[in-house]
Protein backbone atom coordinates (compact mmCIF):
# COMPACT_ATOMS: atom_id res chain seq x y z
CA MET A 1 -70.24 -78.60 -18.10
CA SER A 2 -67.46 -76.54 -20.20
CA LEU A 3 -68.75 -73.81 -21.85
CA GLY A 4 -68.30 -74.79 -25.43
CA LEU A 5 -71.09 -77.02 -24.81
CA LEU A 6 -73.70 -74.50 -24.55
CA PRO A 7 -76.37 -73.33 -27.10
CA VAL A 8 -75.25 -70.02 -28.95
CA ARG A 9 -77.88 -68.12 -27.03
CA PHE A 10 -76.04 -68.70 -24.03
CA GLY A 11 -72.92 -67.88 -24.53
CA LEU A 12 -70.66 -65.27 -23.13
CA ARG A 13 -71.32 -62.46 -25.01
CA ARG A 14 -67.92 -59.58 -25.53
CA GLN A 15 -70.27 -56.88 -25.43
CA PRO A 16 -73.23 -55.19 -23.48
CA VAL A 17 -76.80 -56.18 -24.43
CA HIS A 18 -77.78 -52.63 -24.19
CA THR A 19 -74.98 -50.79 -25.68
CA THR A 20 -76.68 -47.31 -26.32
CA ARG A 21 -77.93 -47.40 -23.00
CA HIS A 22 -74.52 -47.98 -21.32
CA ARG A 23 -73.09 -45.40 -23.98
CA ALA A 24 -75.28 -42.50 -22.76
CA VAL A 25 -74.14 -44.01 -18.87
CA ASP A 26 -70.67 -43.99 -19.99
CA GLU A 27 -70.81 -40.10 -21.58
CA VAL A 28 -72.53 -38.66 -18.39
CA GLU A 29 -69.67 -40.27 -16.49
CA ARG A 30 -67.33 -39.18 -19.04
CA GLN A 31 -68.24 -35.95 -18.45
CA LYS A 32 -68.27 -36.45 -14.62
CA GLY A 33 -64.83 -37.18 -14.58
CA MET A 34 -63.99 -34.08 -17.53
CA ARG A 35 -65.65 -31.59 -14.71
CA ALA A 36 -63.57 -33.43 -11.85
CA GLY A 37 -60.43 -32.54 -13.51
CA ALA A 38 -61.68 -29.32 -14.54
CA ASP A 39 -62.36 -28.44 -11.04
CA LEU A 40 -59.04 -29.90 -9.93
CA LEU A 41 -57.55 -27.50 -12.59
CA ILE A 42 -58.97 -24.64 -11.56
CA GLN A 43 -58.12 -25.03 -7.91
CA ALA A 44 -54.71 -25.48 -8.87
CA LEU A 45 -54.62 -22.15 -10.91
CA ARG A 46 -56.55 -20.72 -7.95
CA LEU A 47 -53.18 -21.35 -5.88
CA GLN A 48 -50.62 -20.31 -8.49
CA LEU A 49 -53.13 -16.91 -9.21
CA ASP A 50 -52.93 -16.18 -5.62
CA ASP A 51 -48.66 -17.09 -5.03
CA GLN A 52 -48.42 -14.43 -8.10
CA ASP A 53 -50.87 -12.00 -6.51
CA ARG A 54 -48.50 -12.31 -3.28
CA GLU A 55 -45.11 -12.20 -4.53
CA HIS A 56 -46.50 -8.82 -6.85
CA ALA A 57 -48.00 -7.23 -3.54
CA GLU A 58 -44.00 -7.95 -2.00
CA ALA A 59 -42.11 -6.61 -5.02
CA VAL A 60 -44.39 -3.57 -5.12
CA ALA A 61 -43.73 -3.16 -1.47
CA ARG A 62 -40.31 -3.27 -2.00
CA ILE A 63 -40.20 -1.04 -4.47
CA ASP A 64 -42.20 1.54 -2.87
CA ALA A 65 -40.01 1.28 0.21
CA ARG A 66 -36.81 1.61 -1.64
CA HIS A 67 -38.86 4.79 -3.40
CA ALA A 68 -39.36 6.07 -0.26
CA GLU A 69 -35.98 5.81 0.98
CA VAL A 70 -34.52 7.22 -2.18
CA VAL A 71 -37.30 10.45 -1.93
CA ASP A 72 -35.91 10.91 2.02
CA GLY A 73 -32.38 11.29 0.81
CA MET A 74 -32.68 13.37 -2.13
CA GLN A 75 -34.98 15.80 0.71
CA ARG A 76 -32.08 14.93 3.22
CA GLN A 77 -29.99 16.46 0.34
CA ILE A 78 -32.08 19.65 -0.55
CA ASP A 79 -32.29 20.36 2.85
CA GLU A 80 -28.68 20.32 3.15
CA LEU A 81 -28.11 22.24 0.23
CA GLN A 82 -30.32 24.80 1.12
CA ARG A 83 -28.61 25.32 4.97
CA ARG A 84 -25.58 25.72 2.82
CA LEU A 85 -27.29 28.64 0.91
CA ASP A 86 -28.58 30.10 3.37
CA ILE A 87 -25.44 30.18 5.52
CA ALA A 88 -23.58 31.25 2.52
CA CYS A 89 -25.90 34.47 1.67
CA LYS A 90 -26.20 35.27 5.57
CA ALA A 91 -22.09 35.33 5.82
CA GLU A 92 -22.23 37.01 2.98
CA THR A 93 -24.83 39.31 3.75
CA ALA A 94 -22.63 39.89 7.69
CA VAL A 95 -19.46 40.84 5.55
CA THR A 96 -20.85 43.40 4.30
CA ARG A 97 -22.65 45.21 7.14
CA THR A 98 -19.27 44.35 9.43
CA GLN A 99 -17.22 45.90 6.97
CA GLU A 100 -16.29 49.27 8.09
CA LEU A 101 -13.75 49.84 4.99
CA SER A 102 -14.84 49.56 1.28
CA VAL A 103 -12.69 47.54 -1.10
CA ALA A 104 -11.32 50.42 -2.81
CA GLU A 105 -10.18 52.18 0.56
CA ILE A 106 -8.75 48.32 1.11
CA ARG A 107 -6.93 48.41 -1.72
CA ARG A 108 -5.44 52.14 -1.17
CA HIS A 109 -4.25 51.21 2.68
CA CYS A 110 -2.95 47.73 1.76
CA THR A 111 -0.90 48.01 -1.05
CA PRO A 112 1.58 45.45 -1.91
CA VAL A 113 5.27 45.90 -1.93
CA PRO A 114 8.23 43.90 -2.98
CA LEU A 115 8.98 41.34 -0.13
CA HIS A 116 12.60 43.11 0.70
CA GLN A 117 11.15 46.26 1.36
CA SER A 118 8.19 44.68 4.20
CA PRO A 119 8.37 45.22 7.79
CA MET A 120 8.29 41.70 8.59
CA ALA A 121 11.53 41.29 6.35
CA ARG A 122 13.87 43.21 8.40
CA ARG A 123 16.96 41.27 9.88
CA ASP A 124 17.25 40.83 13.00
CA PRO A 125 20.99 40.47 13.54
CA ALA A 126 20.53 38.29 17.22
CA HIS A 127 18.83 35.44 14.53
CA VAL A 128 20.87 36.01 11.81
CA PRO A 129 23.27 32.78 11.15
CA ALA A 130 27.02 33.36 10.71
CA TRP A 131 27.55 32.34 7.51
CA ALA A 132 24.78 34.79 6.49
CA ARG A 133 25.47 38.12 7.34
CA ARG A 134 27.01 40.59 5.44
CA ASP A 135 29.89 42.69 6.22
CA GLU A 136 28.50 46.19 5.41
CA PRO A 137 26.17 47.36 7.41
CA GLU A 138 22.19 47.10 7.47
CA PRO A 139 20.46 50.34 6.23
CA ALA A 140 18.36 52.70 8.40
CA ALA A 141 14.93 52.12 8.69
């Protein structure tokens, strides 16, 4: 029996008989599918957020470690400069405490003289080369 010979009421229908009922079921299924998709999206976003939180925590830890290094370096520099200042202050006070002569007395006793009058500039005839010797006698000291 071919399908073309069937009466109209037994014919094949392209749409279901109860369209409103099927539409309601389709709407529920569509909402369930949307919810499942939304749940997957939420889980994916949570994973991304967790990854970003972990990266942020690592960046903050690196910044804190670098900050601690900088602070330690600056503290070492401050300590070194403080030590140098203490040494300089102690050396200055030690000189003033141990110095027997005042600056005025030192200037009075140690007057500068021309180089040729200096006691260190006297010539020793034994060490003067022949070309530098004078024929005139040396002055008496």
